[in-house]
C-alpha atoms as a PDB file:
ATOM      1  CA  MET A   1      23.478 -14.045  -8.111  1.00  0.00           C
ATOM      2  CA  LYS A   2      21.433 -13.654  -6.140  1.00  0.00           C
ATOM      3  CA  PHE A   3      21.767  -9.224  -6.787  1.00  0.00           C
ATOM      4  CA  LEU A   4      20.993  -9.621 -10.149  1.00  0.00           C
ATOM      5  CA  ASP A   5      18.067 -11.955  -9.153  1.00  0.00           C
ATOM      6  CA  ALA A   6      16.036  -9.933  -7.063  1.00  0.00           C
ATOM      7  CA  VAL A   7      16.673  -7.330 -10.026  1.00  0.00           C
ATOM      8  CA  VAL A   8      15.317  -9.205 -12.246  1.00  0.00           C
ATOM      9  CA  ALA A   9      12.277  -9.797  -9.512  1.00  0.00           C
ATOM     10  CA  GLY A  10      12.303  -5.719  -9.376  1.00  0.00           C
ATOM     11  CA  ILE A  11      11.669  -5.340 -12.929  1.00  0.00           C
ATOM     12  CA  ILE A  12       9.064  -7.685 -13.339  1.00  0.00           C
ATOM     13  CA  GLY A  13       6.987  -6.943 -10.048  1.00  0.00           C
ATOM     14  CA  THR A  14       7.566  -3.313 -10.560  1.00  0.00           C
ATOM     15  CA  ALA A  15       6.214  -4.259 -14.836  1.00  0.00           C
ATOM     16  CA  ALA A  16       3.411  -6.086 -13.718  1.00  0.00           C
ATOM     17  CA  MET A  17       2.414  -3.989 -10.505  1.00  0.00           C
ATOM     18  CA  THR A  18       1.891  -1.324 -13.179  1.00  0.00           C
ATOM     19  CA  ALA A  19      -0.022  -3.223 -15.953  1.00  0.00           C
ATOM     20  CA  PHE A  20      -2.559  -3.127 -13.151  1.00  0.00           C
ATOM     21  CA  LEU A  21      -2.356   0.336 -12.274  1.00  0.00           C
ATOM     22  CA  TYR A  22      -3.013   1.348 -16.314  1.00  0.00           C
ATOM     23  CA  LEU A  23      -5.336  -1.761 -15.760  1.00  0.00           C
ATOM     24  CA  LEU A  24      -7.212  -0.282 -12.987  1.00  0.00           C
ATOM     25  CA  SER A  25      -7.057   3.621 -14.897  1.00  0.00           C
ATOM     26  CA  PHE A  26      -8.402   2.100 -18.092  1.00  0.00           C
ATOM     27  CA  ILE A  27     -11.392   0.398 -16.224  1.00  0.00           C
ATOM     28  CA  THR A  28     -12.234   2.965 -13.918  1.00  0.00           C
ATOM     29  CA  HIS A  29     -11.314   5.943 -16.209  1.00  0.00           C
ATOM     30  CA  ARG A  30      -9.317   7.414 -12.549  1.00  0.00           C
ATOM     31  CA  VAL A  31      -6.451   8.950 -12.893  1.00  0.00           C
ATOM     32  CA  MET A  32      -3.581   5.529 -11.796  1.00  0.00           C
ATOM     33  CA  LYS A  33      -1.135   6.144 -13.679  1.00  0.00           C
ATOM     34  CA  VAL A  34       2.104   5.878 -12.035  1.00  0.00           C
ATOM     35  CA  VAL A  35       4.604   6.225 -13.760  1.00  0.00           C
ATOM     36  CA  ARG A  36       3.500   9.711 -14.723  1.00  0.00           C
ATOM     37  CA  ILE A  37       1.925  10.635 -11.407  1.00  0.00           C
ATOM     38  CA  LEU A  38       5.843  10.141 -10.492  1.00  0.00           C
ATOM     39  CA  GLY A  39       6.877  11.993 -13.594  1.00  0.00           C
ATOM     40  CA  THR A  40       5.330  14.468 -13.366  1.00  0.00           C
ATOM     41  CA  MET A  41       5.170  15.728  -9.577  1.00  0.00           C
ATOM     42  CA  LEU A  42       9.667  14.991  -9.552  1.00  0.00           C
ATOM     43  CA  LEU A  43       9.661  17.198 -11.883  1.00  0.00           C
ATOM     44  CA  ASN A  44       7.110  19.912 -11.249  1.00  0.00           C
ATOM     45  CA  ARG A  45       5.502  19.238 -14.409  1.00  0.00           C
ATOM     46  CA  THR A  46       1.852  19.792 -12.710  1.00  0.00           C
ATOM     47  CA  GLN A  47      -0.487  21.887 -15.699  1.00  0.00           C
ATOM     48  CA  PRO A  48      -2.196  24.487 -15.229  1.00  0.00           C
ATOM     49  CA  ASP A  49      -5.407  22.951 -13.949  1.00  0.00           C
ATOM     50  CA  GLY A  50      -3.805  19.788 -11.811  1.00  0.00           C
ATOM     51  CA  SER A  51      -3.329  17.584 -15.001  1.00  0.00           C
ATOM     52  CA  LEU A  52      -0.890  15.642 -15.365  1.00  0.00           C
ATOM     53  CA  SER A  53       2.749  16.532 -17.663  1.00  0.00           C
ATOM     54  CA  GLN A  54       2.342  14.914 -21.619  1.00  0.00           C
ATOM     55  CA  LEU A  55       6.180  15.270 -21.988  1.00  0.00           C
ATOM     56  CA  ALA A  56       7.972  12.137 -22.830  1.00  0.00           C
ATOM     57  CA  GLY A  57      11.067  13.855 -19.913  1.00  0.00           C
ATOM     58  CA  THR A  58       7.903  13.087 -17.117  1.00  0.00           C
ATOM     59  CA  LYS A  59       6.984   8.994 -18.596  1.00  0.00           C
ATOM     60  CA  VAL A  60      10.827   8.797 -18.230  1.00  0.00           C
ATOM     61  CA  ALA A  61      12.105  10.353 -15.645  1.00  0.00           C
ATOM     62  CA  GLY A  62       8.595   8.606 -14.528  1.00  0.00           C
ATOM     63  CA  THR A  63       9.510   5.054 -15.553  1.00  0.00           C
ATOM     64  CA  ILE A  64      12.964   5.222 -14.379  1.00  0.00           C
ATOM     65  CA  ALA A  65      12.046   5.913 -10.938  1.00  0.00           C
ATOM     66  CA  HIS A  66       9.647   3.644 -10.162  1.00  0.00           C
ATOM     67  CA  TYR A  67      11.509   0.497 -11.498  1.00  0.00           C
ATOM     68  CA  ALA A  68      14.517   2.436  -9.215  1.00  0.00           C
ATOM     69  CA  ILE A  69      12.220   1.718  -6.839  1.00  0.00           C
ATOM     70  CA  GLY A  70      11.079  -1.646  -7.199  1.00  0.00           C
ATOM     71  CA  ILE A  71      14.339  -3.471  -7.340  1.00  0.00           C
ATOM     72  CA  PHE A  72      15.256  -1.529  -4.275  1.00  0.00           C
ATOM     73  CA  PHE A  73      11.910  -2.838  -2.724  1.00  0.00           C
ATOM     74  CA  ALA A  74      12.917  -6.794  -3.949  1.00  0.00           C
ATOM     75  CA  VAL A  75      16.103  -6.270  -2.937  1.00  0.00           C
ATOM     76  CA  ILE A  76      15.143  -5.749   0.342  1.00  0.00           C
ATOM     77  CA  TYR A  77      12.788  -8.546   0.372  1.00  0.00           C
ATOM     78  CA  LEU A  78      15.867 -10.550  -0.946  1.00  0.00           C
ATOM     79  CA  ALA A  79      18.226  -9.216   1.979  1.00  0.00           C
ATOM     80  CA  LEU A  80      14.480 -10.456   4.731  1.00  0.00           C
ATOM     81  CA  TRP A  81      14.935 -13.630   2.834  1.00  0.00           C
ATOM     82  CA  ASP A  82      18.442 -14.127   3.578  1.00  0.00           C
ATOM     83  CA  SER A  83      18.040 -13.323   7.463  1.00  0.00           C
ATOM     84  CA  SER A  84      15.695 -15.987   7.563  1.00  0.00           C
ATOM     85  CA  VAL A  85      12.777 -13.873   7.464  1.00  0.00           C
ATOM     86  CA  GLY A  86       9.482 -15.835   5.680  1.00  0.00           C
ATOM     87  CA  LEU A  87      10.718 -17.600   2.225  1.00  0.00           C
ATOM     88  CA  PRO A  88       9.991 -16.120  -1.370  1.00  0.00           C
ATOM     89  CA  THR A  89       6.670 -18.286  -1.603  1.00  0.00           C
ATOM     90  CA  ALA A  90       3.202 -17.497  -2.386  1.00  0.00           C
ATOM     91  CA  SER A  91       1.774 -15.958   1.245  1.00  0.00           C
ATOM     92  CA  TRP A  92       5.489 -14.564   2.122  1.00  0.00           C
ATOM     93  CA  GLY A  93       5.491 -12.580  -1.403  1.00  0.00           C
ATOM     94  CA  LEU A  94       1.851 -11.737   0.130  1.00  0.00           C
ATOM     95  CA  LEU A  95       2.715 -10.249   2.975  1.00  0.00           C
ATOM     96  CA  PHE A  96       5.758  -8.346   2.130  1.00  0.00           C
ATOM     97  CA  GLY A  97       3.042  -6.361  -0.383  1.00  0.00           C
ATOM     98  CA  LEU A  98       0.715  -5.381   2.116  1.00  0.00           C
ATOM     99  CA  ALA A  99       3.354  -3.804   4.231  1.00  0.00           C
ATOM    100  CA  HIS A 100       5.442  -2.359   1.205  1.00  0.00           C
ATOM    101  CA  GLY A 101       1.804  -1.095   0.145  1.00  0.00           C
ATOM    102  CA  LEU A 102       1.400   0.361   3.853  1.00  0.00           C
ATOM    103  CA  ILE A 103       4.545   1.848   3.765  1.00  0.00           C
ATOM    104  CA  ALA A 104       3.850   3.195  -0.211  1.00  0.00           C
ATOM    105  CA  MET A 105       0.174   4.265   0.872  1.00  0.00           C
ATOM    106  CA  LEU A 106       2.299   6.510   3.779  1.00  0.00           C
ATOM    107  CA  ALA A 107       5.488   8.077   1.789  1.00  0.00           C
ATOM    108  CA  TRP A 108       2.621   9.480  -1.340  1.00  0.00           C
ATOM    109  CA  TYR A 109       1.055  10.567   1.574  1.00  0.00           C
ATOM    110  CA  LEU A 110       3.905  12.505   2.074  1.00  0.00           C
ATOM    111  CA  PHE A 111       5.031  13.340  -1.376  1.00  0.00           C
ATOM    112  CA  PHE A 112       1.447  14.575  -1.880  1.00  0.00           C
ATOM    113  CA  MET A 113       0.960  16.697   1.086  1.00  0.00           C
ATOM    114  CA  VAL A 114       5.202  18.259   1.160  1.00  0.00           C
ATOM    115  CA  HIS A 115       4.487  18.469  -2.935  1.00  0.00           C
ATOM    116  CA  PRO A 116       4.168  22.563  -4.037  1.00  0.00           C
ATOM    117  CA  HIS A 117       1.948  22.005  -6.811  1.00  0.00           C
ATOM    118  CA  PRO A 118       0.754  18.173  -6.170  1.00  0.00           C
ATOM    119  CA  PRO A 119      -2.027  17.000  -9.865  1.00  0.00           C
ATOM    120  CA  LEU A 120      -5.512  16.663  -8.387  1.00  0.00           C
ATOM    121  CA  ILE A 121      -6.316  12.901  -7.945  1.00  0.00           C
ATOM    122  CA  THR A 122      -8.402  11.634  -5.894  1.00  0.00           C
ATOM    123  CA  LEU A 123      -5.394  11.124  -3.170  1.00  0.00           C
ATOM    124  CA  LYS A 124      -7.531   8.464  -1.247  1.00  0.00           C
ATOM    125  CA  VAL A 125      -8.400   6.030  -3.488  1.00  0.00           C
ATOM    126  CA  TYR A 126      -5.608   6.336  -5.090  1.00  0.00           C
ATOM    127  CA  LEU A 127      -3.656   5.665  -2.433  1.00  0.00           C
ATOM    128  CA  ILE A 128      -5.690   2.596  -1.378  1.00  0.00           C
ATOM    129  CA  THR A 129      -5.234   1.394  -4.882  1.00  0.00           C
ATOM    130  CA  LEU A 130      -1.617   1.638  -4.180  1.00  0.00           C
ATOM    131  CA  VAL A 131      -1.664  -0.967  -1.649  1.00  0.00           C
ATOM    132  CA  PHE A 132      -3.384  -3.092  -3.611  1.00  0.00           C
ATOM    133  CA  ALA A 133      -0.722  -2.067  -6.257  1.00  0.00           C
ATOM    134  CA  HIS A 134       2.701  -3.882  -3.778  1.00  0.00           C
ATOM    135  CA  ILE A 135       0.578  -6.710  -3.008  1.00  0.00           C
ATOM    136  CA  VAL A 136       0.896  -7.598  -6.800  1.00  0.00           C
ATOM    137  CA  PHE A 137       4.482  -6.713  -7.073  1.00  0.00           C
ATOM    138  CA  GLY A 138       4.815  -8.782  -3.742  1.00  0.00           C
ATOM    139  CA  PHE A 139       3.287 -11.850  -5.495  1.00  0.00           C
ATOM    140  CA  PHE A 140       5.592 -11.167  -8.842  1.00  0.00           C
ATOM    141  CA  ALA A 141       9.061 -10.171  -8.023  1.00  0.00           C
ATOM    142  CA  SER A 142       8.523 -13.580  -4.903  1.00  0.00           C
ATOM    143  CA  TYR A 143       7.338 -15.639  -7.601  1.00  0.00           C
ATOM    144  CA  THR A 144       9.682 -14.927  -9.958  1.00  0.00           C
ATOM    145  CA  TYR A 145      12.562 -15.009  -7.283  1.00  0.00           C
ATOM    146  CA  TYR A 146      11.454 -18.545  -6.760  1.00  0.00           C
ATOM    147  CA  LEU A 147      12.123 -19.792 -10.782  1.00  0.00           C
ATOM    148  CA  LEU A 148      14.851 -17.922 -10.414  1.00  0.00           C
ATOM    149  CA  LEU A 149      16.592 -19.442  -7.425  1.00  0.00           C
ATOM    150  CA  ARG A 150      14.488 -22.975  -8.204  1.00  0.00           C
ATOM    151  CA  PRO A 151      14.640 -23.856  -4.332  1.00  0.00           C
ATOM    152  CA  GLY A 152      12.564 -27.277  -2.613  1.00  0.00           C
ATOM    153  CA  TYR A 153      10.104 -26.425  -1.505  1.00  0.00           C
ATOM    154  CA  GLU A 154       6.474 -25.459  -3.152  1.00  0.00           C
ATOM    155  CA  PHE A 155       5.618 -22.048  -3.898  1.00  0.00           C
ATOM    156  CA  TRP A 156       2.453 -22.401  -2.980  1.00  0.00           C
ATOM    157  CA  TRP A 157       3.299 -22.851   0.557  1.00  0.00           C
END
């Protein structure tokens, strides 16, 4: 049961994070659409001008990969909580999200460095934004897990 709760928390956290990035992309007019960036890079479909692929399959691949990674990290959160490292609370969710974001920033940086033809985006801004997006993930994943678990303490602790 806990594993399924973590899967749900990972899906909700990933959805919140993705919405955050898409909203920022809309507001700032910068390329931060993580699903399309991930799909473009995984399928090596960067356009000759450096832009992202518009193909539906690219978005499908990016979505599946992004949500799978989100579920993976939610399961890691659960393993940490079950090992008595923190609790599903707001403060721990934000802290886990920050740590998770720093790991993601490094992973994305390395992915861009080793990719044969990465898309042309403002990498520094994207990487910094990813840290904040993962803080959003950590908060929403923790809150979802808290709601499903219904422990005897307050989330806002």
